[in-house]
């Protein structure tokens, strides 16, 4: 029985590319594509505490729409 020489694994090639290049590279025969998402909690975090909106200068008939004037909710897209 003949023994095979030990195989040294190849080091993976790591490259940062844009979305279009990534999509194309994933379609190439024999390619292996991986994704890594990096984010800082202070950037991606969301507060669950909402500060009350100051409605003193707003006519009373608009007080039911206080969430429209919320700075916290202004940065969030509506459900669609």
PDB file of N, CA and C in Angstrom:
ATOM      1  N   UNK A   1       0.851  -1.178   0.000  1.00  0.00           N
ATOM      2  CA  UNK A   1       0.000   0.000   0.000  1.00  0.00           C
ATOM      3  C   UNK A   1       0.896   1.240   0.000  1.00  0.00           C
ATOM      4  N   UNK A   2       0.642   2.127  -0.928  1.00  0.00           N
ATOM      5  CA  UNK A   2       1.456   3.338  -1.066  1.00  0.00           C
ATOM      6  C   UNK A   2       0.804   4.501  -0.317  1.00  0.00           C
ATOM      7  N   UNK A   3       1.574   5.186   0.522  1.00  0.00           N
ATOM      8  CA  UNK A   3       1.057   6.332   1.279  1.00  0.00           C
ATOM      9  C   UNK A   3       1.208   7.605   0.459  1.00  0.00           C
ATOM     10  N   UNK A   4       0.191   8.453   0.553  1.00  0.00           N
ATOM     11  CA  UNK A   4       0.215   9.740  -0.141  1.00  0.00           C
ATOM     12  C   UNK A   4       0.922  10.772   0.732  1.00  0.00           C
ATOM     13  N   UNK A   5       1.621  11.723   0.116  1.00  0.00           N
ATOM     14  CA  UNK A   5       2.272  12.756   0.917  1.00  0.00           C
ATOM     15  C   UNK A   5       1.225  13.628   1.604  1.00  0.00           C
ATOM     16  N   UNK A   6       1.567  14.211   2.753  1.00  0.00           N
ATOM     17  CA  UNK A   6       0.590  15.065   3.443  1.00  0.00           C
ATOM     18  C   UNK A   6       0.220  16.279   2.584  1.00  0.00           C
ATOM     19  N   UNK A   7      -1.024  16.665   2.682  1.00  0.00           N
ATOM     20  CA  UNK A   7      -1.536  17.800   1.906  1.00  0.00           C
ATOM     21  C   UNK A   7      -1.517  19.040   2.792  1.00  0.00           C
ATOM     22  N   UNK A   8      -0.879  20.077   2.318  1.00  0.00           N
ATOM     23  CA  UNK A   8      -0.873  21.356   3.027  1.00  0.00           C
ATOM     24  C   UNK A   8      -2.059  22.175   2.528  1.00  0.00           C
ATOM     25  N   UNK A   9      -2.981  22.541   3.440  1.00  0.00           N
ATOM     26  CA  UNK A   9      -4.149  23.309   2.980  1.00  0.00           C
ATOM     27  C   UNK A   9      -3.743  24.683   2.459  1.00  0.00           C
ATOM     28  N   UNK A  10      -4.455  25.144   1.426  1.00  0.00           N
ATOM     29  CA  UNK A  10      -4.209  26.469   0.871  1.00  0.00           C
ATOM     30  C   UNK A  10      -4.814  27.525   1.792  1.00  0.00           C
ATOM     31  N   UNK A  11      -4.139  28.641   1.886  1.00  0.00           N
ATOM     32  CA  UNK A  11      -4.699  29.754   2.643  1.00  0.00           C
ATOM     33  C   UNK A  11      -5.781  30.406   1.788  1.00  0.00           C
ATOM     34  N   UNK A  12      -6.927  30.723   2.400  1.00  0.00           N
ATOM     35  CA  UNK A  12      -7.998  31.344   1.600  1.00  0.00           C
ATOM     36  C   UNK A  12      -7.629  32.760   1.173  1.00  0.00           C
ATOM     37  N   UNK A  13      -8.114  33.137   0.027  1.00  0.00           N
ATOM     38  CA  UNK A  13      -7.913  34.504  -0.466  1.00  0.00           C
ATOM     39  C   UNK A  13      -9.079  35.348   0.039  1.00  0.00           C
ATOM     40  N   UNK A  14      -8.787  36.349   0.809  1.00  0.00           N
ATOM     41  CA  UNK A  14      -9.813  37.222   1.383  1.00  0.00           C
ATOM     42  C   UNK A  14      -9.734  38.569   0.688  1.00  0.00           C
ATOM     43  N   UNK A  15     -10.875  39.022   0.162  1.00  0.00           N
ATOM     44  CA  UNK A  15     -10.926  40.277  -0.575  1.00  0.00           C
ATOM     45  C   UNK A  15     -12.185  41.044  -0.200  1.00  0.00           C
ATOM     46  N   UNK A  16     -12.059  42.341  -0.063  1.00  0.00           N
ATOM     47  CA  UNK A  16     -13.228  43.197   0.147  1.00  0.00           C
ATOM     48  C   UNK A  16     -13.650  43.744  -1.212  1.00  0.00           C
ATOM     49  N   UNK A  17     -14.899  43.486  -1.593  1.00  0.00           N
ATOM     50  CA  UNK A  17     -15.411  43.919  -2.893  1.00  0.00           C
ATOM     51  C   UNK A  17     -16.806  44.507  -2.740  1.00  0.00           C
ATOM     52  N   UNK A  18     -17.289  45.186  -3.770  1.00  0.00           N
ATOM     53  CA  UNK A  18     -18.636  45.753  -3.713  1.00  0.00           C
ATOM     54  C   UNK A  18     -19.683  44.676  -4.029  1.00  0.00           C
ATOM     55  N   UNK A  19     -20.944  45.031  -3.908  1.00  0.00           N
ATOM     56  CA  UNK A  19     -22.037  44.070  -4.057  1.00  0.00           C
ATOM     57  C   UNK A  19     -22.108  43.464  -5.466  1.00  0.00           C
ATOM     58  N   UNK A  20     -21.890  44.274  -6.490  1.00  0.00           N
ATOM     59  CA  UNK A  20     -21.966  43.765  -7.864  1.00  0.00           C
ATOM     60  C   UNK A  20     -20.858  42.750  -8.128  1.00  0.00           C
ATOM     61  N   UNK A  21     -19.652  43.052  -7.685  1.00  0.00           N
ATOM     62  CA  UNK A  21     -18.531  42.129  -7.879  1.00  0.00           C
ATOM     63  C   UNK A  21     -18.746  40.854  -7.078  1.00  0.00           C
ATOM     64  N   UNK A  22     -19.296  40.980  -5.880  1.00  0.00           N
ATOM     65  CA  UNK A  22     -19.576  39.808  -5.042  1.00  0.00           C
ATOM     66  C   UNK A  22     -20.599  38.890  -5.724  1.00  0.00           C
ATOM     67  N   UNK A  23     -21.653  39.488  -6.237  1.00  0.00           N
ATOM     68  CA  UNK A  23     -22.691  38.713  -6.912  1.00  0.00           C
ATOM     69  C   UNK A  23     -22.123  37.947  -8.102  1.00  0.00           C
ATOM     70  N   UNK A  24     -21.282  38.608  -8.859  1.00  0.00           N
ATOM     71  CA  UNK A  24     -20.682  37.960 -10.023  1.00  0.00           C
ATOM     72  C   UNK A  24     -19.703  36.853  -9.605  1.00  0.00           C
ATOM     73  N   UNK A  25     -18.898  37.117  -8.587  1.00  0.00           N
ATOM     74  CA  UNK A  25     -17.922  36.132  -8.122  1.00  0.00           C
ATOM     75  C   UNK A  25     -18.610  34.879  -7.588  1.00  0.00           C
ATOM     76  N   UNK A  26     -19.750  35.036  -6.952  1.00  0.00           N
ATOM     77  CA  UNK A  26     -20.478  33.884  -6.407  1.00  0.00           C
ATOM     78  C   UNK A  26     -20.999  32.959  -7.507  1.00  0.00           C
ATOM     79  N   UNK A  27     -21.187  33.498  -8.697  1.00  0.00           N
ATOM     80  CA  UNK A  27     -21.702  32.700  -9.813  1.00  0.00           C
ATOM     81  C   UNK A  27     -20.608  31.951 -10.568  1.00  0.00           C
ATOM     82  N   UNK A  28     -19.347  32.253 -10.283  1.00  0.00           N
ATOM     83  CA  UNK A  28     -18.242  31.585 -10.969  1.00  0.00           C
ATOM     84  C   UNK A  28     -18.138  30.132 -10.523  1.00  0.00           C
ATOM     85  N   UNK A  29     -17.872  29.266 -11.477  1.00  0.00           N
ATOM     86  CA  UNK A  29     -17.761  27.843 -11.182  1.00  0.00           C
ATOM     87  C   UNK A  29     -16.603  27.602 -10.204  1.00  0.00           C
ATOM     88  N   UNK A  30     -16.887  26.846  -9.163  1.00  0.00           N
ATOM     89  CA  UNK A  30     -15.870  26.485  -8.189  1.00  0.00           C
ATOM     90  C   UNK A  30     -15.623  27.522  -7.107  1.00  0.00           C
ATOM     91  N   UNK A  31     -16.362  28.618  -7.134  1.00  0.00           N
ATOM     92  CA  UNK A  31     -16.120  29.652  -6.122  1.00  0.00           C
ATOM     93  C   UNK A  31     -16.872  29.331  -4.835  1.00  0.00           C
ATOM     94  N   UNK A  32     -16.296  29.746  -3.729  1.00  0.00           N
ATOM     95  CA  UNK A  32     -16.942  29.648  -2.427  1.00  0.00           C
ATOM     96  C   UNK A  32     -17.021  31.057  -1.883  1.00  0.00           C
ATOM     97  N   UNK A  33     -18.228  31.514  -1.616  1.00  0.00           N
ATOM     98  CA  UNK A  33     -18.423  32.885  -1.163  1.00  0.00           C
ATOM     99  C   UNK A  33     -18.941  32.901   0.267  1.00  0.00           C
ATOM    100  N   UNK A  34     -18.403  33.809   1.056  1.00  0.00           N
ATOM    101  CA  UNK A  34     -18.805  33.983   2.442  1.00  0.00           C
ATOM    102  C   UNK A  34     -19.043  35.462   2.694  1.00  0.00           C
ATOM    103  N   UNK A  35     -19.883  35.761   3.670  1.00  0.00           N
ATOM    104  CA  UNK A  35     -20.162  37.152   4.030  1.00  0.00           C
ATOM    105  C   UNK A  35     -19.843  37.357   5.498  1.00  0.00           C
ATOM    106  N   UNK A  36     -19.340  38.523   5.820  1.00  0.00           N
ATOM    107  CA  UNK A  36     -19.065  38.909   7.193  1.00  0.00           C
ATOM    108  C   UNK A  36     -19.654  40.291   7.400  1.00  0.00           C
ATOM    109  N   UNK A  37     -20.549  40.410   8.344  1.00  0.00           N
ATOM    110  CA  UNK A  37     -21.178  41.698   8.642  1.00  0.00           C
ATOM    111  C   UNK A  37     -20.553  42.243   9.913  1.00  0.00           C
ATOM    112  N   UNK A  38     -19.979  43.409   9.814  1.00  0.00           N
ATOM    113  CA  UNK A  38     -19.359  44.047  10.957  1.00  0.00           C
ATOM    114  C   UNK A  38     -20.125  45.319  11.269  1.00  0.00           C
ATOM    115  N   UNK A  39     -20.526  45.468  12.523  1.00  0.00           N
ATOM    116  CA  UNK A  39     -21.216  46.697  12.917  1.00  0.00           C
ATOM    117  C   UNK A  39     -20.894  46.999  14.370  1.00  0.00           C
ATOM    118  N   UNK A  40     -20.873  48.265  14.672  1.00  0.00           N
ATOM    119  CA  UNK A  40     -20.642  48.702  16.038  1.00  0.00           C
ATOM    120  C   UNK A  40     -21.982  48.877  16.738  1.00  0.00           C
ATOM    121  N   UNK A  41     -22.136  48.333  17.943  1.00  0.00           N
ATOM    122  CA  UNK A  41     -23.425  48.462  18.645  1.00  0.00           C
ATOM    123  C   UNK A  41     -23.872  49.908  18.830  1.00  0.00           C
ATOM    124  N   UNK A  42     -22.918  50.829  19.034  1.00  0.00           N
ATOM    125  CA  UNK A  42     -23.324  52.218  19.249  1.00  0.00           C
ATOM    126  C   UNK A  42     -23.895  52.849  17.980  1.00  0.00           C
ATOM    127  N   UNK A  43     -23.569  52.284  16.819  1.00  0.00           N
ATOM    128  CA  UNK A  43     -24.094  52.802  15.558  1.00  0.00           C
ATOM    129  C   UNK A  43     -25.408  52.116  15.197  1.00  0.00           C
ATOM    130  N   UNK A  44     -25.460  50.809  15.389  1.00  0.00           N
ATOM    131  CA  UNK A  44     -26.621  50.036  14.967  1.00  0.00           C
ATOM    132  C   UNK A  44     -27.677  49.898  16.068  1.00  0.00           C
ATOM    133  N   UNK A  45     -27.350  50.235  17.302  1.00  0.00           N
ATOM    134  CA  UNK A  45     -28.282  50.056  18.406  1.00  0.00           C
ATOM    135  C   UNK A  45     -29.478  50.978  18.304  1.00  0.00           C
ATOM    136  N   UNK A  46     -30.569  50.544  18.851  1.00  0.00           N
ATOM    137  CA  UNK A  46     -31.787  51.341  18.870  1.00  0.00           C
ATOM    138  C   UNK A  46     -32.274  51.441  20.314  1.00  0.00           C
ATOM    139  N   UNK A  47     -32.690  52.606  20.694  1.00  0.00           N
ATOM    140  CA  UNK A  47     -33.202  52.813  22.034  1.00  0.00           C
ATOM    141  C   UNK A  47     -34.673  52.443  22.079  1.00  0.00           C
ATOM    142  N   UNK A  48     -35.079  51.834  23.172  1.00  0.00           N
ATOM    143  CA  UNK A  48     -36.497  51.519  23.351  1.00  0.00           C
ATOM    144  C   UNK A  48     -37.196  52.613  24.144  1.00  0.00           C
ATOM    145  N   UNK A  49     -36.422  53.570  24.657  1.00  0.00           N
ATOM    146  CA  UNK A  49     -36.990  54.676  25.425  1.00  0.00           C
ATOM    147  C   UNK A  49     -37.277  55.827  24.471  1.00  0.00           C
ATOM    148  N   UNK A  50     -38.489  56.343  24.537  1.00  0.00           N
ATOM    149  CA  UNK A  50     -38.828  57.491  23.705  1.00  0.00           C
ATOM    150  C   UNK A  50     -38.998  58.712  24.602  1.00  0.00           C
ATOM    151  N   UNK A  51     -38.436  59.815  24.193  1.00  0.00           N
ATOM    152  CA  UNK A  51     -38.581  61.059  24.942  1.00  0.00           C
ATOM    153  C   UNK A  51     -39.919  61.685  24.596  1.00  0.00           C
ATOM    154  N   UNK A  52     -40.615  62.220  25.581  1.00  0.00           N
ATOM    155  CA  UNK A  52     -41.907  62.851  25.281  1.00  0.00           C
ATOM    156  C   UNK A  52     -41.721  64.075  24.388  1.00  0.00           C
ATOM    157  N   UNK A  53     -42.686  64.289  23.509  1.00  0.00           N
ATOM    158  CA  UNK A  53     -42.643  65.417  22.575  1.00  0.00           C
ATOM    159  C   UNK A  53     -43.245  66.641  23.253  1.00  0.00           C
ATOM    160  N   UNK A  54     -42.577  67.782  23.127  1.00  0.00           N
ATOM    161  CA  UNK A  54     -43.085  69.042  23.683  1.00  0.00           C
ATOM    162  C   UNK A  54     -44.178  69.572  22.760  1.00  0.00           C
ATOM    163  N   UNK A  55     -45.418  69.555  23.263  1.00  0.00           N
ATOM    164  CA  UNK A  55     -46.565  69.971  22.455  1.00  0.00           C
ATOM    165  C   UNK A  55     -47.110  71.343  22.854  1.00  0.00           C
ATOM    166  N   UNK A  56     -46.373  72.100  23.639  1.00  0.00           N
ATOM    167  CA  UNK A  56     -46.890  73.380  24.136  1.00  0.00           C
ATOM    168  C   UNK A  56     -47.179  74.378  23.021  1.00  0.00           C
ATOM    169  N   UNK A  57     -46.417  74.358  21.934  1.00  0.00           N
ATOM    170  CA  UNK A  57     -46.641  75.307  20.836  1.00  0.00           C
ATOM    171  C   UNK A  57     -47.507  74.732  19.725  1.00  0.00           C
ATOM    172  N   UNK A  58     -48.079  73.563  19.958  1.00  0.00           N
ATOM    173  CA  UNK A  58     -48.893  72.886  18.946  1.00  0.00           C
ATOM    174  C   UNK A  58     -50.361  72.971  19.342  1.00  0.00           C
ATOM    175  N   UNK A  59     -51.250  73.362  18.415  1.00  0.00           N
ATOM    176  CA  UNK A  59     -52.683  73.413  18.751  1.00  0.00           C
ATOM    177  C   UNK A  59     -53.173  72.060  19.270  1.00  0.00           C
ATOM    178  N   UNK A  60     -54.098  72.103  20.213  1.00  0.00           N
ATOM    179  CA  UNK A  60     -54.568  70.902  20.903  1.00  0.00           C
ATOM    180  C   UNK A  60     -55.157  69.853  19.952  1.00  0.00           C
ATOM    181  N   UNK A  61     -55.764  70.280  18.856  1.00  0.00           N
ATOM    182  CA  UNK A  61     -56.373  69.298  17.938  1.00  0.00           C
ATOM    183  C   UNK A  61     -55.326  68.392  17.267  1.00  0.00           C
ATOM    184  N   UNK A  62     -54.032  68.775  17.336  1.00  0.00           N
ATOM    185  CA  UNK A  62     -52.965  67.974  16.744  1.00  0.00           C
ATOM    186  C   UNK A  62     -52.224  67.118  17.768  1.00  0.00           C
ATOM    187  N   UNK A  63     -52.603  67.184  19.016  1.00  0.00           N
ATOM    188  CA  UNK A  63     -51.910  66.427  20.061  1.00  0.00           C
ATOM    189  C   UNK A  63     -52.011  64.917  19.858  1.00  0.00           C
ATOM    190  N   UNK A  64     -53.069  64.441  19.203  1.00  0.00           N
ATOM    191  CA  UNK A  64     -53.206  62.999  18.938  1.00  0.00           C
ATOM    192  C   UNK A  64     -52.144  62.506  17.956  1.00  0.00           C
ATOM    193  N   UNK A  65     -51.506  63.425  17.251  1.00  0.00           N
ATOM    194  CA  UNK A  65     -50.483  63.073  16.272  1.00  0.00           C
ATOM    195  C   UNK A  65     -49.071  63.352  16.801  1.00  0.00           C
ATOM    196  N   UNK A  66     -48.882  63.249  18.097  1.00  0.00           N
ATOM    197  CA  UNK A  66     -47.598  63.567  18.729  1.00  0.00           C
ATOM    198  C   UNK A  66     -46.464  62.708  18.175  1.00  0.00           C
ATOM    199  N   UNK A  67     -46.757  61.471  17.788  1.00  0.00           N
ATOM    200  CA  UNK A  67     -45.704  60.586  17.273  1.00  0.00           C
ATOM    201  C   UNK A  67     -45.105  61.111  15.964  1.00  0.00           C
ATOM    202  N   UNK A  68     -45.848  61.934  15.235  1.00  0.00           N
ATOM    203  CA  UNK A  68     -45.329  62.519  13.989  1.00  0.00           C
ATOM    204  C   UNK A  68     -44.171  63.471  14.289  1.00  0.00           C
ATOM    205  N   UNK A  69     -44.197  64.088  15.465  1.00  0.00           N
ATOM    206  CA  UNK A  69     -43.193  65.071  15.839  1.00  0.00           C
ATOM    207  C   UNK A  69     -42.064  64.490  16.681  1.00  0.00           C
ATOM    208  N   UNK A  70     -42.076  63.187  16.892  1.00  0.00           N
ATOM    209  CA  UNK A  70     -41.060  62.525  17.704  1.00  0.00           C
ATOM    210  C   UNK A  70     -39.742  62.414  16.947  1.00  0.00           C
ATOM    211  N   UNK A  71     -38.640  62.908  17.539  1.00  0.00           N
ATOM    212  CA  UNK A  71     -37.321  62.806  16.901  1.00  0.00           C
ATOM    213  C   UNK A  71     -36.873  61.354  16.840  1.00  0.00           C
ATOM    214  N   UNK A  72     -37.262  60.561  17.823  1.00  0.00           N
ATOM    215  CA  UNK A  72     -36.893  59.143  17.844  1.00  0.00           C
ATOM    216  C   UNK A  72     -37.561  58.395  16.693  1.00  0.00           C
ATOM    217  N   UNK A  73     -38.838  58.649  16.479  1.00  0.00           N
ATOM    218  CA  UNK A  73     -39.571  57.942  15.427  1.00  0.00           C
ATOM    219  C   UNK A  73     -39.319  58.523  14.036  1.00  0.00           C
ATOM    220  N   UNK A  74     -38.798  59.741  13.964  1.00  0.00           N
ATOM    221  CA  UNK A  74     -38.530  60.361  12.663  1.00  0.00           C
ATOM    222  C   UNK A  74     -37.438  59.623  11.896  1.00  0.00           C
ATOM    223  N   UNK A  75     -36.530  58.965  12.592  1.00  0.00           N
ATOM    224  CA  UNK A  75     -35.440  58.237  11.939  1.00  0.00           C
ATOM    225  C   UNK A  75     -35.792  56.817  11.560  1.00  0.00           C
ATOM    226  N   UNK A  76     -37.039  56.417  11.756  1.00  0.00           N
ATOM    227  CA  UNK A  76     -37.467  55.047  11.466  1.00  0.00           C
ATOM    228  C   UNK A  76     -38.470  55.044  10.327  1.00  0.00           C
ATOM    229  N   UNK A  77     -38.281  54.140   9.371  1.00  0.00           N
ATOM    230  CA  UNK A  77     -39.228  54.037   8.259  1.00  0.00           C
ATOM    231  C   UNK A  77     -40.539  53.417   8.726  1.00  0.00           C
ATOM    232  N   UNK A  78     -41.627  53.853   8.141  1.00  0.00           N
ATOM    233  CA  UNK A  78     -42.933  53.283   8.453  1.00  0.00           C
ATOM    234  C   UNK A  78     -43.042  51.884   7.880  1.00  0.00           C
ATOM    235  N   UNK A  79     -43.861  51.049   8.482  1.00  0.00           N
ATOM    236  CA  UNK A  79     -44.108  49.704   7.966  1.00  0.00           C
ATOM    237  C   UNK A  79     -44.741  49.800   6.577  1.00  0.00           C
ATOM    238  N   UNK A  80     -44.270  48.953   5.675  1.00  0.00           N
ATOM    239  CA  UNK A  80     -44.855  48.934   4.324  1.00  0.00           C
ATOM    240  C   UNK A  80     -44.737  47.565   3.720  1.00  0.00           C
TER     241      UNK A  80
END
